[in-house]
Protein backbone atom coordinates (compact mmCIF):
# COMPACT_ATOMS: atom_id res chain seq x y z
CA UNK A 1 0.00 0.00 0.00
CA UNK A 2 1.40 3.37 -1.01
CA UNK A 3 1.84 6.00 1.71
CA UNK A 4 -0.24 9.19 1.56
CA UNK A 5 1.36 11.76 -0.67
CA UNK A 6 1.86 15.41 0.16
CA UNK A 7 -0.91 17.64 -1.02
CA UNK A 8 1.47 20.54 -1.44
CA UNK A 9 2.91 23.11 0.95
CA UNK A 10 4.10 20.28 3.18
CA UNK A 11 0.73 18.88 4.30
CA UNK A 12 0.02 15.16 3.99
CA UNK A 13 -3.24 14.40 2.21
CA UNK A 14 -4.73 10.92 1.84
CA UNK A 15 -6.97 9.73 -1.01
CA UNK A 16 -10.23 10.57 0.80
CA UNK A 17 -9.04 14.09 1.60
CA UNK A 18 -7.93 14.63 -1.99
CA UNK A 19 -11.40 13.62 -3.19
CA UNK A 20 -13.01 16.10 -0.81
CA UNK A 21 -10.62 18.80 -1.99
CA UNK A 22 -11.43 18.07 -5.66
CA UNK A 23 -15.17 18.40 -5.03
CA UNK A 24 -14.64 21.63 -3.09
CA UNK A 25 -12.51 23.10 -5.88
CA UNK A 26 -15.08 22.04 -8.51
CA UNK A 27 -17.92 23.73 -6.64
CA UNK A 28 -15.79 26.84 -6.07
CA UNK A 29 -14.81 26.98 -9.74
CA UNK A 30 -18.37 26.69 -11.05
CA UNK A 31 -19.96 29.06 -8.57
CA UNK A 32 -17.33 31.76 -8.97
CA UNK A 33 -17.43 31.48 -12.76
CA UNK A 34 -21.19 31.93 -12.73
CA UNK A 35 -21.08 34.88 -10.35
CA UNK A 36 -18.17 36.65 -12.07
CA UNK A 37 -19.83 37.00 -15.49
CA UNK A 38 -21.49 40.16 -14.16
CA UNK A 39 -18.87 41.42 -11.69
CA UNK A 40 -17.05 43.51 -14.25
CA UNK A 41 -20.19 45.23 -15.56
CA UNK A 42 -22.74 45.15 -12.71
CA UNK A 43 -22.52 48.87 -11.83
CA UNK A 44 -22.60 49.81 -15.53
CA UNK A 45 -25.65 47.54 -15.92
CA UNK A 46 -27.49 49.36 -13.12
CA UNK A 47 -26.56 52.80 -14.47
CA UNK A 48 -27.64 51.71 -17.97
CA UNK A 49 -31.02 50.78 -16.48
CA UNK A 50 -31.48 54.44 -15.53
CA UNK A 51 -30.37 54.38 -11.89
CA UNK A 52 -28.26 57.18 -10.43
CA UNK A 53 -24.98 56.51 -8.58
CA UNK A 54 -26.86 56.72 -5.29
CA UNK A 55 -29.59 54.34 -6.51
CA UNK A 56 -27.07 51.90 -8.03
CA UNK A 57 -25.11 51.57 -4.80
CA UNK A 58 -28.34 51.59 -2.80
CA UNK A 59 -29.43 48.57 -4.87
CA UNK A 60 -26.14 46.92 -3.94
CA UNK A 61 -26.85 47.88 -0.33
CA UNK A 62 -30.24 46.12 -0.53
CA UNK A 63 -28.34 43.06 -1.78
CA UNK A 64 -26.11 43.14 1.29
CA UNK A 65 -29.17 43.86 3.45
CA UNK A 66 -30.65 40.63 2.11
CA UNK A 67 -27.49 38.86 3.19
CA UNK A 68 -27.75 40.41 6.66
CA UNK A 69 -31.39 39.41 6.93
CA UNK A 70 -30.96 35.80 5.80
CA UNK A 71 -27.40 34.88 6.88
CA UNK A 72 -28.33 33.27 10.20
CA UNK A 73 -31.54 31.52 9.03
CA UNK A 74 -29.72 29.96 6.08
CA UNK A 75 -26.81 29.04 8.36
CA UNK A 76 -29.34 27.21 10.53
CA UNK A 77 -30.59 25.45 7.39
CA UNK A 78 -27.04 24.28 6.69
CA UNK A 79 -26.48 23.08 10.26
CA UNK A 80 -29.97 21.63 10.68
CA UNK A 81 -30.78 20.24 7.22
CA UNK A 82 -27.36 19.74 5.72
CA UNK A 83 -24.73 21.70 3.81
CA UNK A 84 -25.68 19.93 0.55
CA UNK A 85 -29.33 21.06 0.88
CA UNK A 86 -28.15 24.61 1.54
CA UNK A 87 -25.92 24.61 -1.56
CA UNK A 88 -28.70 23.32 -3.82
CA UNK A 89 -31.14 25.93 -2.50
CA UNK A 90 -28.52 28.60 -3.13
CA UNK A 91 -27.97 27.71 -6.79
CA UNK A 92 -31.72 27.59 -7.49
CA UNK A 93 -32.48 30.87 -5.69
CA UNK A 94 -29.57 32.72 -7.27
CA UNK A 95 -30.44 31.52 -10.77
CA UNK A 96 -34.06 32.68 -10.41
CA UNK A 97 -33.21 36.08 -8.91
CA UNK A 98 -30.50 36.74 -11.52
CA UNK A 99 -33.06 36.16 -14.28
CA UNK A 100 -35.41 38.61 -12.55
CA UNK A 101 -32.57 41.18 -12.57
CA UNK A 102 -32.30 40.72 -16.33
CA UNK A 103 -36.06 41.33 -16.71
CA UNK A 104 -35.87 44.52 -14.62
CA UNK A 105 -33.20 45.84 -16.99
CA UNK A 106 -35.27 44.86 -20.02
CA UNK A 107 -38.32 46.79 -18.79
CA UNK A 108 -36.53 49.76 -17.12
CA UNK A 109 -38.15 48.90 -13.80
CA UNK A 110 -38.52 51.44 -10.96
CA UNK A 111 -36.01 51.47 -8.10
CA UNK A 112 -38.27 49.66 -5.60
CA UNK A 113 -38.29 46.59 -7.88
CA UNK A 114 -34.48 46.59 -8.01
CA UNK A 115 -34.44 46.78 -4.21
CA UNK A 116 -36.73 43.75 -3.84
CA UNK A 117 -34.84 41.55 -6.30
CA UNK A 118 -31.50 42.65 -4.83
CA UNK A 119 -32.67 41.29 -1.47
CA UNK A 120 -33.50 37.97 -3.19
CA UNK A 121 -30.00 37.88 -4.71
CA UNK A 122 -28.63 38.33 -1.21
CA UNK A 123 -30.76 35.39 -0.05
CA UNK A 124 -29.24 33.21 -2.77
CA UNK A 125 -25.68 33.95 -1.71
CA UNK A 126 -26.40 33.36 1.99
CA UNK A 127 -27.16 29.71 1.27
CA UNK A 128 -23.51 29.38 0.17
CA UNK A 129 -21.77 31.46 2.83
CA UNK A 130 -20.67 29.26 5.67
CA UNK A 131 -22.17 26.07 4.24
CA UNK A 132 -19.47 25.21 1.68
CA UNK A 133 -16.60 26.11 3.97
CA UNK A 134 -18.17 24.17 6.86
CA UNK A 135 -18.72 21.18 4.56
CA UNK A 136 -15.07 21.26 3.51
CA UNK A 137 -13.57 21.54 7.01
CA UNK A 138 -15.73 18.78 8.53
CA UNK A 139 -15.19 16.44 5.59
CA UNK A 140 -11.42 16.98 5.65
CA UNK A 141 -11.22 16.28 9.38
CA UNK A 142 -13.39 13.17 8.96
CA UNK A 143 -11.09 11.91 6.20
CA UNK A 144 -8.09 12.09 8.54
CA UNK A 145 -6.48 15.24 7.16
CA UNK A 146 -4.39 16.94 9.82
CA UNK A 147 -2.61 19.62 7.83
CA UNK A 148 -3.13 23.36 8.02
CA UNK A 149 -6.35 24.68 6.52
CA UNK A 150 -4.54 27.60 4.87
CA UNK A 151 -3.17 25.33 2.13
CA UNK A 152 -6.56 23.95 1.04
CA UNK A 153 -8.40 27.26 1.47
CA UNK A 154 -5.58 28.97 -0.42
CA UNK A 155 -6.10 26.59 -3.35
CA UNK A 156 -9.79 27.40 -3.22
CA UNK A 157 -8.94 31.09 -3.46
CA UNK A 158 -6.63 30.40 -6.40
CA UNK A 159 -9.31 28.43 -8.25
CA UNK A 160 -11.82 31.16 -7.45
CA UNK A 161 -9.40 33.73 -8.86
CA UNK A 162 -8.93 31.78 -12.10
CA UNK A 163 -12.71 31.45 -12.49
CA UNK A 164 -13.18 35.13 -11.71
CA UNK A 165 -10.49 36.05 -14.23
CA UNK A 166 -12.17 34.03 -16.98
CA UNK A 167 -15.70 35.08 -16.09
CA UNK A 168 -15.09 38.79 -15.61
CA UNK A 169 -13.09 39.17 -18.84
CA UNK A 170 -15.65 37.11 -20.76
CA UNK A 171 -18.50 39.11 -19.23
CA UNK A 172 -16.95 42.44 -20.24
CA UNK A 173 -16.09 41.31 -23.78
CA UNK A 174 -19.49 39.64 -24.31
CA UNK A 175 -21.31 42.73 -23.00
CA UNK A 176 -19.38 44.94 -25.43
CA UNK A 177 -20.06 42.55 -28.35
CA UNK A 178 -23.76 42.08 -27.51
CA UNK A 179 -25.36 44.00 -24.64
CA UNK A 180 -25.14 44.33 -20.86
CA UNK A 181 -27.88 41.76 -20.28
CA UNK A 182 -26.26 38.70 -21.89
CA UNK A 183 -23.72 38.06 -19.06
CA UNK A 184 -26.66 37.78 -16.64
CA UNK A 185 -28.22 35.06 -18.80
CA UNK A 186 -24.87 33.24 -18.88
CA UNK A 187 -24.79 33.30 -15.08
CA UNK A 188 -28.24 31.67 -14.96
CA UNK A 189 -27.12 28.88 -17.29
CA UNK A 190 -23.94 28.04 -15.35
CA UNK A 191 -25.82 28.06 -12.03
CA UNK A 192 -28.27 25.48 -13.36
CA UNK A 193 -25.34 23.28 -14.41
CA UNK A 194 -23.82 23.66 -10.91
CA UNK A 195 -27.10 22.54 -9.35
CA UNK A 196 -26.78 19.26 -11.24
CA UNK A 197 -23.07 18.88 -10.40
CA UNK A 198 -23.64 19.45 -6.66
CA UNK A 199 -26.64 17.11 -6.64
CA UNK A 200 -24.40 14.38 -8.04
CA UNK A 201 -21.09 14.97 -6.19
CA UNK A 202 -21.80 16.62 -2.85
CA UNK A 203 -22.57 14.54 0.25
CA UNK A 204 -22.47 15.60 3.91
CA UNK A 205 -19.39 13.80 5.27
CA UNK A 206 -18.22 14.04 8.87
CA UNK A 207 -21.39 15.88 9.81
CA UNK A 208 -24.89 14.65 10.65
CA UNK A 209 -27.70 17.23 10.27
CA UNK A 210 -29.87 17.52 13.37
CA UNK A 211 -33.33 17.77 11.86
CA UNK A 212 -36.15 18.53 14.24
CA UNK A 213 -39.92 18.28 14.15
CA UNK A 214 -39.87 21.69 15.88
CA UNK A 215 -37.94 23.92 13.46
CA UNK A 216 -38.32 27.12 15.52
CA UNK A 217 -37.04 25.37 18.62
CA UNK A 218 -34.14 23.91 16.66
CA UNK A 219 -33.37 27.34 15.19
CA UNK A 220 -33.25 28.92 18.64
CA UNK A 221 -31.00 26.13 19.94
CA UNK A 222 -28.53 26.36 17.06
CA UNK A 223 -28.52 30.17 17.12
CA UNK A 224 -27.96 30.23 20.89
CA UNK A 225 -25.04 27.81 20.62
CA UNK A 226 -23.64 29.80 17.70
CA UNK A 227 -23.73 33.07 19.64
CA UNK A 228 -22.04 31.29 22.56
CA UNK A 229 -19.21 30.14 20.27
CA UNK A 230 -19.22 33.32 18.19
CA UNK A 231 -19.94 36.75 19.63
CA UNK A 232 -19.51 35.57 23.24
CA UNK A 233 -16.08 34.11 22.44
CA UNK A 234 -13.74 37.16 22.59
CA UNK A 235 -11.13 36.25 19.93
CA UNK A 236 -13.91 35.33 17.47
CA UNK A 237 -15.99 38.37 18.41
CA UNK A 238 -13.22 40.86 17.65
CA UNK A 239 -12.54 39.32 14.23
CA UNK A 240 -16.27 39.58 13.48
CA UNK A 241 -16.38 43.21 14.64
CA UNK A 242 -13.58 44.05 12.21
CA UNK A 243 -15.55 42.58 9.30
CA UNK A 244 -18.03 45.45 8.69
CA UNK A 245 -15.20 47.87 7.99
CA UNK A 246 -13.03 45.68 5.77
CA UNK A 247 -15.79 43.79 3.94
CA UNK A 248 -18.08 46.81 3.57
CA UNK A 249 -15.33 48.87 1.98
CA UNK A 250 -14.15 45.96 -0.18
CA UNK A 251 -17.60 45.50 -1.69
CA UNK A 252 -17.93 49.19 -2.51
CA UNK A 253 -14.45 49.54 -3.98
CA UNK A 254 -14.82 46.50 -6.23
CA UNK A 255 -17.96 47.88 -7.86
CA UNK A 256 -16.94 51.56 -7.80
CA UNK A 257 -13.74 50.77 -9.68
CA UNK A 258 -15.77 49.95 -12.80
CA UNK A 259 -16.98 53.51 -13.52
CA UNK A 260 -13.90 55.02 -11.82
CA UNK A 261 -11.45 53.28 -14.17
CA UNK A 262 -13.62 54.04 -17.20
CA UNK A 263 -13.51 57.68 -16.12
CA UNK A 264 -9.70 57.56 -15.97
CA UNK A 265 -9.56 55.65 -19.27
CA UNK A 266 -11.67 58.29 -20.99
CA UNK A 267 -14.23 56.03 -22.70
CA UNK A 268 -17.50 55.37 -20.80
CA UNK A 269 -18.46 52.58 -23.23
CA UNK A 270 -15.25 50.53 -22.94
CA UNK A 271 -16.93 47.67 -21.06
CA UNK A 272 -13.93 45.40 -21.67
CA UNK A 273 -11.85 47.79 -19.55
CA UNK A 274 -14.30 47.29 -16.70
CA UNK A 275 -13.88 43.56 -17.19
CA UNK A 276 -10.11 44.06 -17.12
CA UNK A 277 -10.39 45.67 -13.69
CA UNK A 278 -12.23 42.65 -12.34
CA UNK A 279 -9.68 40.41 -14.05
CA UNK A 280 -6.84 42.22 -12.30
CA UNK A 281 -8.52 41.54 -8.98
CA UNK A 282 -8.94 37.90 -9.98
CA UNK A 283 -5.30 37.50 -10.98
CA UNK A 284 -4.20 39.04 -7.70
CA UNK A 285 -6.54 36.65 -5.91
CA UNK A 286 -4.83 33.66 -7.53
CA UNK A 287 -1.43 34.93 -6.40
CA UNK A 288 -2.81 35.79 -2.95
CA UNK A 289 -4.16 32.26 -2.50
CA UNK A 290 -0.74 30.88 -3.43
CA UNK A 291 1.03 33.25 -1.03
CA UNK A 292 -1.21 32.66 2.00
CA UNK A 293 0.28 29.37 3.29
CA UNK A 294 3.78 30.63 2.50
CA UNK A 295 3.23 33.82 4.47
CA UNK A 296 1.94 31.65 7.30
CA UNK A 297 5.33 29.93 7.47
CA UNK A 298 7.11 33.25 7.94
CA UNK A 299 5.15 34.40 10.98
CA UNK A 300 4.37 32.77 14.31
CA UNK A 301 0.82 34.10 14.65
CA UNK A 302 -2.02 34.19 12.15
CA UNK A 303 -3.16 37.58 13.44
CA UNK A 304 0.11 39.10 12.22
CA UNK A 305 -0.99 38.37 8.66
CA UNK A 306 -4.52 39.68 9.31
CA UNK A 307 -3.37 42.96 10.86
CA UNK A 308 -0.81 43.70 8.15
CA UNK A 309 -3.27 42.79 5.39
CA UNK A 310 -5.95 45.14 6.72
CA UNK A 311 -3.58 48.04 7.43
CA UNK A 312 -1.79 47.89 4.07
CA UNK A 313 -5.09 47.48 2.17
CA UNK A 314 -6.51 50.63 3.77
CA UNK A 315 -3.40 52.67 3.02
CA UNK A 316 -3.36 51.51 -0.61
CA UNK A 317 -6.95 52.69 -1.06
CA UNK A 318 -6.05 56.11 0.29
CA UNK A 319 -3.20 56.35 -2.24
CA UNK A 320 -5.48 55.03 -5.01
CA UNK A 321 -7.93 57.83 -4.26
CA UNK A 322 -5.29 60.42 -5.16
CA UNK A 323 -4.27 58.72 -8.41
CA UNK A 324 -5.22 60.28 -11.75
CA UNK A 325 -3.31 57.99 -14.14
CA UNK A 326 -5.17 54.95 -15.45
CA UNK A 327 -2.23 52.52 -15.48
CA UNK A 328 -1.02 53.60 -12.04
CA UNK A 329 -4.54 53.10 -10.69
CA UNK A 330 -4.67 49.64 -12.27
CA UNK A 331 -1.35 48.68 -10.64
CA UNK A 332 -2.54 49.92 -7.23
CA UNK A 333 -5.78 48.00 -7.69
CA UNK A 334 -3.83 44.80 -8.34
CA UNK A 335 -1.64 45.36 -5.27
CA UNK A 336 -4.67 46.11 -3.08
CA UNK A 337 -6.38 42.91 -4.22
CA UNK A 338 -3.20 40.89 -3.67
CA UNK A 339 -2.75 42.10 -0.10
CA UNK A 340 -6.42 41.53 0.77
CA UNK A 341 -6.47 38.08 -0.85
CA UNK A 342 -3.34 36.86 0.91
CA UNK A 343 -5.03 37.45 4.27
CA UNK A 344 -8.31 35.72 3.39
CA UNK A 345 -7.34 32.01 3.78
CA UNK A 346 -5.47 32.83 7.00
CA UNK A 347 -8.56 34.53 8.40
CA UNK A 348 -10.75 31.58 7.39
CA UNK A 349 -8.39 29.08 9.01
CA UNK A 350 -8.14 31.20 12.17
CA UNK A 351 -11.93 31.31 12.60
CA UNK A 352 -12.53 27.66 11.71
CA UNK A 353 -10.03 26.48 14.31
CA UNK A 354 -12.06 28.30 16.99
CA UNK A 355 -15.55 27.02 16.01
CA UNK A 356 -17.14 23.65 16.99
CA UNK A 357 -18.34 21.49 14.11
CA UNK A 358 -22.05 21.46 14.98
CA UNK A 359 -22.31 25.26 14.88
CA UNK A 360 -19.69 25.87 12.21
CA UNK A 361 -21.99 26.87 9.32
CA UNK A 362 -24.11 29.17 11.49
CA UNK A 363 -21.14 30.92 13.11
CA UNK A 364 -19.48 31.39 9.71
CA UNK A 365 -22.78 32.74 8.36
CA UNK A 366 -22.94 35.11 11.33
CA UNK A 367 -19.44 36.29 10.46
CA UNK A 368 -20.57 36.87 6.87
CA UNK A 369 -23.58 38.76 8.26
CA UNK A 370 -21.23 41.12 10.09
CA UNK A 371 -19.36 41.85 6.88
CA UNK A 372 -22.58 42.36 4.94
CA UNK A 373 -23.93 44.73 7.59
CA UNK A 374 -20.97 46.97 6.89
CA UNK A 375 -21.87 46.94 3.20
CA UNK A 376 -25.42 48.04 3.97
CA UNK A 377 -24.11 51.25 5.54
CA UNK A 378 -20.83 51.81 3.73
CA UNK A 379 -22.04 51.39 0.11
CA UNK A 380 -24.71 54.10 0.04
CA UNK A 381 -22.53 56.43 2.12
CA UNK A 382 -19.58 56.08 -0.23
CA UNK A 383 -21.93 56.10 -3.24
CA UNK A 384 -23.22 59.47 -2.06
CA UNK A 385 -19.63 60.62 -1.55
CA UNK A 386 -18.95 59.63 -5.18
CA UNK A 387 -21.93 61.76 -6.32
CA UNK A 388 -20.76 64.79 -4.33
CA UNK A 389 -16.96 64.56 -4.38
CA UNK A 390 -16.23 62.06 -7.16
CA UNK A 391 -15.02 58.45 -7.23
CA UNK A 392 -11.39 59.15 -6.21
CA UNK A 393 -12.44 60.83 -2.96
CA UNK A 394 -14.92 58.06 -2.16
CA UNK A 395 -12.20 55.41 -2.56
CA UNK A 396 -9.82 57.34 -0.29
CA UNK A 397 -12.57 57.69 2.35
CA UNK A 398 -13.12 53.95 2.05
CA UNK A 399 -9.44 53.35 2.83
CA UNK A 400 -9.73 55.37 6.04
CA UNK A 401 -12.83 53.38 7.04
CA UNK A 402 -11.00 50.08 6.46
CA UNK A 403 -8.24 51.10 8.85
CA UNK A 404 -10.82 51.04 11.67
CA UNK A 405 -10.68 47.21 11.47
CA UNK A 406 -7.08 47.11 12.72
CA UNK A 407 -7.76 47.81 16.44
CA UNK A 408 -10.32 44.99 16.53
CA UNK A 409 -7.81 42.53 15.06
CA UNK A 410 -5.24 43.65 17.64
CA UNK A 411 -7.85 42.98 20.35
CA UNK A 412 -8.37 39.44 19.04
CA UNK A 413 -4.62 38.87 19.10
CA UNK A 414 -4.43 40.01 22.74
CA UNK A 415 -6.78 37.15 23.75
CA UNK A 416 -3.97 34.69 22.92
CA UNK A 417 -6.24 31.99 21.40
CA UNK A 418 -4.64 28.66 20.57
CA UNK A 419 -5.88 29.02 16.98
CA UNK A 420 -3.51 31.95 16.50
CA UNK A 421 -0.62 29.50 16.73
CA UNK A 422 -2.33 26.45 15.21
CA UNK A 423 -0.11 24.53 12.76
CA UNK A 424 2.63 27.09 13.24
CA UNK A 425 5.20 24.44 14.13
CA UNK A 426 3.95 22.20 11.29
CA UNK A 427 4.29 25.05 8.83
CA UNK A 428 7.76 25.83 10.10
CA UNK A 429 8.84 22.19 9.89
CA UNK A 430 7.47 21.83 6.36
CA UNK A 431 9.59 24.77 5.24
CA UNK A 432 12.76 22.81 6.08
CA UNK A 433 14.43 20.86 3.28
């Protein structure tokens, strides 16, 4: 019998763990590809539908409000009915709501209709947040994998970046060759394919859903346990409290860069340039996912990576806000995305190592809720700043807001959780020849 072979970055991965990783990467690839068809042109799509800057970013805020509203209930679905059920519901809901978005654009619908469907889009994404990551971690542990989570999550980020690169460029080019609505129809098609793929491949492994004949009672029990292991657990709480500032700003900047870069480029109809911006973020995400486990080897504590990532990201946005040259802005955008992406797998691993399995999906959903709540407030505020002061000033203000996350991350570090040092010795040993 052959011994288990390394899965890369020094961790030993057996056949069962490799299978779990392949399924995870397949789901990540398909979902990100579907989503990214519109990422490069979403703001332009909303403006083309007749919305103002304020209304466009308010529509995005309703999307994040939908995520805030449904994060915990869908997390309870994942923990109570299964992560596979949650994923399938997510693909179906997101496909239907994306098609409704296309219809709103076709008929130049009023703002209230955009708000309602944006909330439904948020619902679709909440079925994914927490569920897929929880499924991966539990299945890996069940399969006997004992390596650091950063390596696997980093590969997921790399695959997501490749899919985002392909989807965002394709979406921009296709929109320019046809119209702004076609990428939305492509998203619907890929989501339907992913429903079939997940139905065939995905099984809850290492986790048994606790279904109850009293769903409200079960919801209260899971939510109570999740709060106990989430907001009431200081090192987790402080990471969650940092999320509204970093995630809220990140969402705004990603979408604001579309019209901002077109403004610098000098051609408001160059949709492929907007796709290029999203592609730059995607490419940086691939590199960031590759760097994450390697950065982890260089430092003793995970929070070191998180603090540096957040601080440098905020400062880069401030500098980006004062940039007037298109190519300089593009380079700063790539660097900002790289720094933010390199910290993402480390943050995921840090949180997962502090959360019990039975509440994992709900706590992770609650964390996503915290980030989305920041987007609800930050997006319309910065959208209004863009109307009054212009896009460059709004991006710089966003950088200052992101820096507010740093003190919360320092507070988490001061709790000295074991997860801050988890796999540190393993990572250091694996770096030796």
